[in-house]
């Protein structure tokens, strides 16, 4: 999802999928701020579902950081 947006985030977002056995670790990094989040889900889940979940988490974390400053 490079170049995509997650909720309130602006800028490039990198998403990485790592499959280990029955689990998938999905990491999203907001390039301009360096904010990184990760989720773990079932490896057989649709890629779009995992991508949406990690994007929502990134938007949530960035919203908390924005409110805390």
PDB file of N, CA and C in Angstrom:
ATOM      1  N   UNK A   1       0.826  -1.181   0.000  1.00  0.00           N
ATOM      2  CA  UNK A   1       0.000   0.000   0.000  1.00  0.00           C
ATOM      3  C   UNK A   1       0.874   1.249   0.000  1.00  0.00           C
ATOM      4  N   UNK A   2       2.000   1.146  -0.609  1.00  0.00           N
ATOM      5  CA  UNK A   2       2.876   2.306  -0.662  1.00  0.00           C
ATOM      6  C   UNK A   2       2.160   3.457  -1.336  1.00  0.00           C
ATOM      7  N   UNK A   3       2.223   4.621  -0.720  1.00  0.00           N
ATOM      8  CA  UNK A   3       1.566   5.783  -1.268  1.00  0.00           C
ATOM      9  C   UNK A   3       0.105   5.886  -0.872  1.00  0.00           C
ATOM     10  N   UNK A   4      -0.419   4.888  -0.188  1.00  0.00           N
ATOM     11  CA  UNK A   4      -1.811   4.905   0.228  1.00  0.00           C
ATOM     12  C   UNK A   4      -1.988   5.682   1.510  1.00  0.00           C
ATOM     13  N   UNK A   5      -3.231   5.745   1.985  1.00  0.00           N
ATOM     14  CA  UNK A   5      -3.512   6.465   3.219  1.00  0.00           C
ATOM     15  C   UNK A   5      -4.265   5.569   4.174  1.00  0.00           C
ATOM     16  N   UNK A   6      -4.022   5.747   5.440  1.00  0.00           N
ATOM     17  CA  UNK A   6      -4.725   5.002   6.483  1.00  0.00           C
ATOM     18  C   UNK A   6      -5.397   5.995   7.402  1.00  0.00           C
ATOM     19  N   UNK A   7      -6.667   6.169   7.241  1.00  0.00           N
ATOM     20  CA  UNK A   7      -7.400   7.069   8.128  1.00  0.00           C
ATOM     21  C   UNK A   7      -6.895   8.485   8.049  1.00  0.00           C
ATOM     22  N   UNK A   8      -6.413   9.032   9.183  1.00  0.00           N
ATOM     23  CA  UNK A   8      -5.973  10.423   9.253  1.00  0.00           C
ATOM     24  C   UNK A   8      -4.511  10.602   8.853  1.00  0.00           C
ATOM     25  N   UNK A   9      -3.851   9.544   8.420  1.00  0.00           N
ATOM     26  CA  UNK A   9      -2.427   9.655   8.109  1.00  0.00           C
ATOM     27  C   UNK A   9      -2.237  10.223   6.716  1.00  0.00           C
ATOM     28  N   UNK A  10      -1.245  11.090   6.567  1.00  0.00           N
ATOM     29  CA  UNK A  10      -0.861  11.636   5.272  1.00  0.00           C
ATOM     30  C   UNK A  10       0.551  11.175   4.985  1.00  0.00           C
ATOM     31  N   UNK A  11       0.819  10.872   3.749  1.00  0.00           N
ATOM     32  CA  UNK A  11       2.155  10.460   3.368  1.00  0.00           C
ATOM     33  C   UNK A  11       2.218   8.990   3.016  1.00  0.00           C
ATOM     34  N   UNK A  12       3.405   8.545   2.699  1.00  0.00           N
ATOM     35  CA  UNK A  12       3.621   7.175   2.253  1.00  0.00           C
ATOM     36  C   UNK A  12       3.537   6.193   3.420  1.00  0.00           C
ATOM     37  N   UNK A  13       2.896   5.061   3.161  1.00  0.00           N
ATOM     38  CA  UNK A  13       2.783   3.993   4.156  1.00  0.00           C
ATOM     39  C   UNK A  13       3.301   2.712   3.523  1.00  0.00           C
ATOM     40  N   UNK A  14       4.234   2.074   4.198  1.00  0.00           N
ATOM     41  CA  UNK A  14       4.770   0.797   3.749  1.00  0.00           C
ATOM     42  C   UNK A  14       4.108  -0.319   4.540  1.00  0.00           C
ATOM     43  N   UNK A  15       3.700  -1.391   3.860  1.00  0.00           N
ATOM     44  CA  UNK A  15       3.083  -2.527   4.534  1.00  0.00           C
ATOM     45  C   UNK A  15       3.846  -3.783   4.152  1.00  0.00           C
ATOM     46  N   UNK A  16       4.223  -4.559   5.186  1.00  0.00           N
ATOM     47  CA  UNK A  16       4.996  -5.781   4.989  1.00  0.00           C
ATOM     48  C   UNK A  16       4.211  -6.960   5.543  1.00  0.00           C
ATOM     49  N   UNK A  17       4.180  -8.052   4.795  1.00  0.00           N
ATOM     50  CA  UNK A  17       3.541  -9.293   5.227  1.00  0.00           C
ATOM     51  C   UNK A  17       4.617 -10.360   5.404  1.00  0.00           C
ATOM     52  N   UNK A  18       4.625 -11.010   6.562  1.00  0.00           N
ATOM     53  CA  UNK A  18       5.535 -12.124   6.824  1.00  0.00           C
ATOM     54  C   UNK A  18       4.678 -13.297   7.292  1.00  0.00           C
ATOM     55  N   UNK A  19       4.734 -14.388   6.555  1.00  0.00           N
ATOM     56  CA  UNK A  19       3.957 -15.583   6.885  1.00  0.00           C
ATOM     57  C   UNK A  19       4.879 -16.587   7.560  1.00  0.00           C
ATOM     58  N   UNK A  20       4.487 -17.039   8.755  1.00  0.00           N
ATOM     59  CA  UNK A  20       5.226 -18.068   9.482  1.00  0.00           C
ATOM     60  C   UNK A  20       4.226 -19.125   9.927  1.00  0.00           C
ATOM     61  N   UNK A  21       4.217 -20.247   9.254  1.00  0.00           N
ATOM     62  CA  UNK A  21       3.274 -21.309   9.598  1.00  0.00           C
ATOM     63  C   UNK A  21       1.846 -20.849   9.387  1.00  0.00           C
ATOM     64  N   UNK A  22       1.047 -20.905  10.449  1.00  0.00           N
ATOM     65  CA  UNK A  22      -0.363 -20.527  10.370  1.00  0.00           C
ATOM     66  C   UNK A  22      -0.614 -19.064  10.701  1.00  0.00           C
ATOM     67  N   UNK A  23       0.445 -18.297  10.936  1.00  0.00           N
ATOM     68  CA  UNK A  23       0.292 -16.897  11.340  1.00  0.00           C
ATOM     69  C   UNK A  23       0.890 -15.952  10.308  1.00  0.00           C
ATOM     70  N   UNK A  24       0.296 -14.781  10.223  1.00  0.00           N
ATOM     71  CA  UNK A  24       0.820 -13.722   9.363  1.00  0.00           C
ATOM     72  C   UNK A  24       1.089 -12.510  10.234  1.00  0.00           C
ATOM     73  N   UNK A  25       2.298 -11.987  10.153  1.00  0.00           N
ATOM     74  CA  UNK A  25       2.639 -10.754  10.871  1.00  0.00           C
ATOM     75  C   UNK A  25       2.627  -9.643   9.838  1.00  0.00           C
ATOM     76  N   UNK A  26       1.800  -8.634  10.062  1.00  0.00           N
ATOM     77  CA  UNK A  26       1.660  -7.529   9.125  1.00  0.00           C
ATOM     78  C   UNK A  26       2.135  -6.258   9.820  1.00  0.00           C
ATOM     79  N   UNK A  27       3.081  -5.583   9.199  1.00  0.00           N
ATOM     80  CA  UNK A  27       3.664  -4.371   9.757  1.00  0.00           C
ATOM     81  C   UNK A  27       3.363  -3.206   8.828  1.00  0.00           C
ATOM     82  N   UNK A  28       2.974  -2.070   9.398  1.00  0.00           N
ATOM     83  CA  UNK A  28       2.756  -0.844   8.628  1.00  0.00           C
ATOM     84  C   UNK A  28       3.657   0.237   9.198  1.00  0.00           C
ATOM     85  N   UNK A  29       4.319   0.967   8.298  1.00  0.00           N
ATOM     86  CA  UNK A  29       5.211   2.054   8.697  1.00  0.00           C
ATOM     87  C   UNK A  29       4.778   3.315   7.969  1.00  0.00           C
ATOM     88  N   UNK A  30       4.528   4.383   8.750  1.00  0.00           N
ATOM     89  CA  UNK A  30       4.235   5.695   8.169  1.00  0.00           C
ATOM     90  C   UNK A  30       5.581   6.355   7.947  1.00  0.00           C
ATOM     91  N   UNK A  31       5.985   6.478   6.689  1.00  0.00           N
ATOM     92  CA  UNK A  31       7.341   6.910   6.348  1.00  0.00           C
ATOM     93  C   UNK A  31       7.685   8.296   6.895  1.00  0.00           C
ATOM     94  N   UNK A  32       6.840   9.319   6.715  1.00  0.00           N
ATOM     95  CA  UNK A  32       7.252  10.655   7.192  1.00  0.00           C
ATOM     96  C   UNK A  32       7.529  10.726   8.697  1.00  0.00           C
ATOM     97  N   UNK A  33       6.753   9.998   9.504  1.00  0.00           N
ATOM     98  CA  UNK A  33       6.925  10.098  10.955  1.00  0.00           C
ATOM     99  C   UNK A  33       7.734   8.942  11.544  1.00  0.00           C
ATOM    100  N   UNK A  34       7.872   7.860  10.800  1.00  0.00           N
ATOM    101  CA  UNK A  34       8.573   6.692  11.318  1.00  0.00           C
ATOM    102  C   UNK A  34       7.728   5.848  12.257  1.00  0.00           C
ATOM    103  N   UNK A  35       6.446   6.157  12.388  1.00  0.00           N
ATOM    104  CA  UNK A  35       5.550   5.386  13.255  1.00  0.00           C
ATOM    105  C   UNK A  35       5.357   3.999  12.672  1.00  0.00           C
ATOM    106  N   UNK A  36       5.513   2.979  13.507  1.00  0.00           N
ATOM    107  CA  UNK A  36       5.402   1.587  13.068  1.00  0.00           C
ATOM    108  C   UNK A  36       4.446   0.836  13.981  1.00  0.00           C
ATOM    109  N   UNK A  37       3.556   0.052  13.376  1.00  0.00           N
ATOM    110  CA  UNK A  37       2.650  -0.806  14.132  1.00  0.00           C
ATOM    111  C   UNK A  37       2.643  -2.176  13.475  1.00  0.00           C
ATOM    112  N   UNK A  38       2.236  -3.184  14.243  1.00  0.00           N
ATOM    113  CA  UNK A  38       2.170  -4.541  13.710  1.00  0.00           C
ATOM    114  C   UNK A  38       0.971  -5.261  14.296  1.00  0.00           C
ATOM    115  N   UNK A  39       0.452  -6.194  13.523  1.00  0.00           N
ATOM    116  CA  UNK A  39      -0.606  -7.086  13.984  1.00  0.00           C
ATOM    117  C   UNK A  39      -0.210  -8.506  13.602  1.00  0.00           C
ATOM    118  N   UNK A  40      -0.836  -9.464  14.259  1.00  0.00           N
ATOM    119  CA  UNK A  40      -0.665 -10.872  13.900  1.00  0.00           C
ATOM    120  C   UNK A  40      -2.052 -11.435  13.661  1.00  0.00           C
ATOM    121  N   UNK A  41      -2.209 -12.126  12.548  1.00  0.00           N
ATOM    122  CA  UNK A  41      -3.492 -12.716  12.206  1.00  0.00           C
ATOM    123  C   UNK A  41      -3.291 -14.071  11.563  1.00  0.00           C
ATOM    124  N   UNK A  42      -4.381 -14.720  11.197  1.00  0.00           N
ATOM    125  CA  UNK A  42      -4.270 -16.030  10.550  1.00  0.00           C
ATOM    126  C   UNK A  42      -3.683 -15.895   9.143  1.00  0.00           C
ATOM    127  N   UNK A  43      -2.814 -16.797   8.782  1.00  0.00           N
ATOM    128  CA  UNK A  43      -2.164 -16.748   7.473  1.00  0.00           C
ATOM    129  C   UNK A  43      -3.163 -16.936   6.337  1.00  0.00           C
ATOM    130  N   UNK A  44      -4.293 -17.588   6.627  1.00  0.00           N
ATOM    131  CA  UNK A  44      -5.265 -17.831   5.565  1.00  0.00           C
ATOM    132  C   UNK A  44      -6.304 -16.709   5.443  1.00  0.00           C
ATOM    133  N   UNK A  45      -6.170 -15.654   6.229  1.00  0.00           N
ATOM    134  CA  UNK A  45      -7.075 -14.504   6.122  1.00  0.00           C
ATOM    135  C   UNK A  45      -6.784 -13.768   4.818  1.00  0.00           C
ATOM    136  N   UNK A  46      -7.808 -13.176   4.214  1.00  0.00           N
ATOM    137  CA  UNK A  46      -7.556 -12.406   2.989  1.00  0.00           C
ATOM    138  C   UNK A  46      -6.580 -11.264   3.253  1.00  0.00           C
ATOM    139  N   UNK A  47      -5.688 -11.065   2.311  1.00  0.00           N
ATOM    140  CA  UNK A  47      -4.664 -10.016   2.441  1.00  0.00           C
ATOM    141  C   UNK A  47      -5.312  -8.650   2.691  1.00  0.00           C
ATOM    142  N   UNK A  48      -6.417  -8.365   2.005  1.00  0.00           N
ATOM    143  CA  UNK A  48      -7.088  -7.070   2.149  1.00  0.00           C
ATOM    144  C   UNK A  48      -7.599  -6.863   3.575  1.00  0.00           C
ATOM    145  N   UNK A  49      -8.048  -7.925   4.223  1.00  0.00           N
ATOM    146  CA  UNK A  49      -8.550  -7.825   5.599  1.00  0.00           C
ATOM    147  C   UNK A  49      -7.403  -7.491   6.551  1.00  0.00           C
ATOM    148  N   UNK A  50      -6.281  -8.163   6.401  1.00  0.00           N
ATOM    149  CA  UNK A  50      -5.120  -7.893   7.256  1.00  0.00           C
ATOM    150  C   UNK A  50      -4.583  -6.480   7.013  1.00  0.00           C
ATOM    151  N   UNK A  51      -4.548  -6.074   5.750  1.00  0.00           N
ATOM    152  CA  UNK A  51      -4.068  -4.738   5.405  1.00  0.00           C
ATOM    153  C   UNK A  51      -4.978  -3.667   6.000  1.00  0.00           C
ATOM    154  N   UNK A  52      -6.288  -3.883   5.932  1.00  0.00           N
ATOM    155  CA  UNK A  52      -7.234  -2.918   6.506  1.00  0.00           C
ATOM    156  C   UNK A  52      -7.062  -2.839   8.020  1.00  0.00           C
ATOM    157  N   UNK A  53      -6.856  -3.979   8.669  1.00  0.00           N
ATOM    158  CA  UNK A  53      -6.700  -3.998  10.126  1.00  0.00           C
ATOM    159  C   UNK A  53      -5.442  -3.245  10.562  1.00  0.00           C
ATOM    160  N   UNK A  54      -4.338  -3.471   9.884  1.00  0.00           N
ATOM    161  CA  UNK A  54      -3.094  -2.788  10.272  1.00  0.00           C
ATOM    162  C   UNK A  54      -3.179  -1.302   9.933  1.00  0.00           C
ATOM    163  N   UNK A  55      -3.903  -0.952   8.881  1.00  0.00           N
ATOM    164  CA  UNK A  55      -4.085   0.462   8.535  1.00  0.00           C
ATOM    165  C   UNK A  55      -4.919   1.184   9.593  1.00  0.00           C
ATOM    166  N   UNK A  56      -5.962   0.510  10.090  1.00  0.00           N
ATOM    167  CA  UNK A  56      -6.777   1.098  11.160  1.00  0.00           C
ATOM    168  C   UNK A  56      -5.955   1.279  12.431  1.00  0.00           C
ATOM    169  N   UNK A  57      -5.112   0.299  12.734  1.00  0.00           N
ATOM    170  CA  UNK A  57      -4.283   0.407  13.931  1.00  0.00           C
ATOM    171  C   UNK A  57      -3.289   1.560  13.789  1.00  0.00           C
ATOM    172  N   UNK A  58      -2.711   1.715  12.605  1.00  0.00           N
ATOM    173  CA  UNK A  58      -1.775   2.812  12.382  1.00  0.00           C
ATOM    174  C   UNK A  58      -2.478   4.158  12.561  1.00  0.00           C
ATOM    175  N   UNK A  59      -3.678   4.296  12.007  1.00  0.00           N
ATOM    176  CA  UNK A  59      -4.434   5.541  12.158  1.00  0.00           C
ATOM    177  C   UNK A  59      -4.746   5.803  13.628  1.00  0.00           C
ATOM    178  N   UNK A  60      -5.099   4.760  14.372  1.00  0.00           N
ATOM    179  CA  UNK A  60      -5.394   4.892  15.802  1.00  0.00           C
ATOM    180  C   UNK A  60      -4.165   5.360  16.583  1.00  0.00           C
ATOM    181  N   UNK A  61      -3.031   4.713  16.342  1.00  0.00           N
ATOM    182  CA  UNK A  61      -1.805   5.057  17.065  1.00  0.00           C
ATOM    183  C   UNK A  61      -1.360   6.482  16.716  1.00  0.00           C
ATOM    184  N   UNK A  62      -1.456   6.853  15.452  1.00  0.00           N
ATOM    185  CA  UNK A  62      -1.044   8.192  15.057  1.00  0.00           C
ATOM    186  C   UNK A  62      -1.996   9.242  15.642  1.00  0.00           C
ATOM    187  N   UNK A  63      -3.267   8.905  15.754  1.00  0.00           N
ATOM    188  CA  UNK A  63      -4.236   9.803  16.382  1.00  0.00           C
ATOM    189  C   UNK A  63      -3.925  10.013  17.855  1.00  0.00           C
ATOM    190  N   UNK A  64      -3.526   8.933  18.541  1.00  0.00           N
ATOM    191  CA  UNK A  64      -3.158   9.053  19.961  1.00  0.00           C
ATOM    192  C   UNK A  64      -1.909   9.910  20.105  1.00  0.00           C
ATOM    193  N   UNK A  65      -0.927   9.710  19.237  1.00  0.00           N
ATOM    194  CA  UNK A  65       0.304  10.492  19.305  1.00  0.00           C
ATOM    195  C   UNK A  65       0.026  11.962  19.033  1.00  0.00           C
ATOM    196  N   UNK A  66      -0.865  12.225  18.091  1.00  0.00           N
ATOM    197  CA  UNK A  66      -1.210  13.601  17.747  1.00  0.00           C
ATOM    198  C   UNK A  66      -1.914  14.290  18.916  1.00  0.00           C
ATOM    199  N   UNK A  67      -2.788  13.545  19.604  1.00  0.00           N
ATOM    200  CA  UNK A  67      -3.508  14.100  20.744  1.00  0.00           C
ATOM    201  C   UNK A  67      -2.617  14.301  21.963  1.00  0.00           C
ATOM    202  N   UNK A  68      -1.541  13.521  22.052  1.00  0.00           N
ATOM    203  CA  UNK A  68      -0.668  13.597  23.215  1.00  0.00           C
ATOM    204  C   UNK A  68       0.334  14.752  23.111  1.00  0.00           C
ATOM    205  N   UNK A  69       0.521  15.281  21.898  1.00  0.00           N
ATOM    206  CA  UNK A  69       1.530  16.347  21.762  1.00  0.00           C
ATOM    207  C   UNK A  69       0.990  17.722  21.985  1.00  0.00           C
TER     208      UNK A  69
END
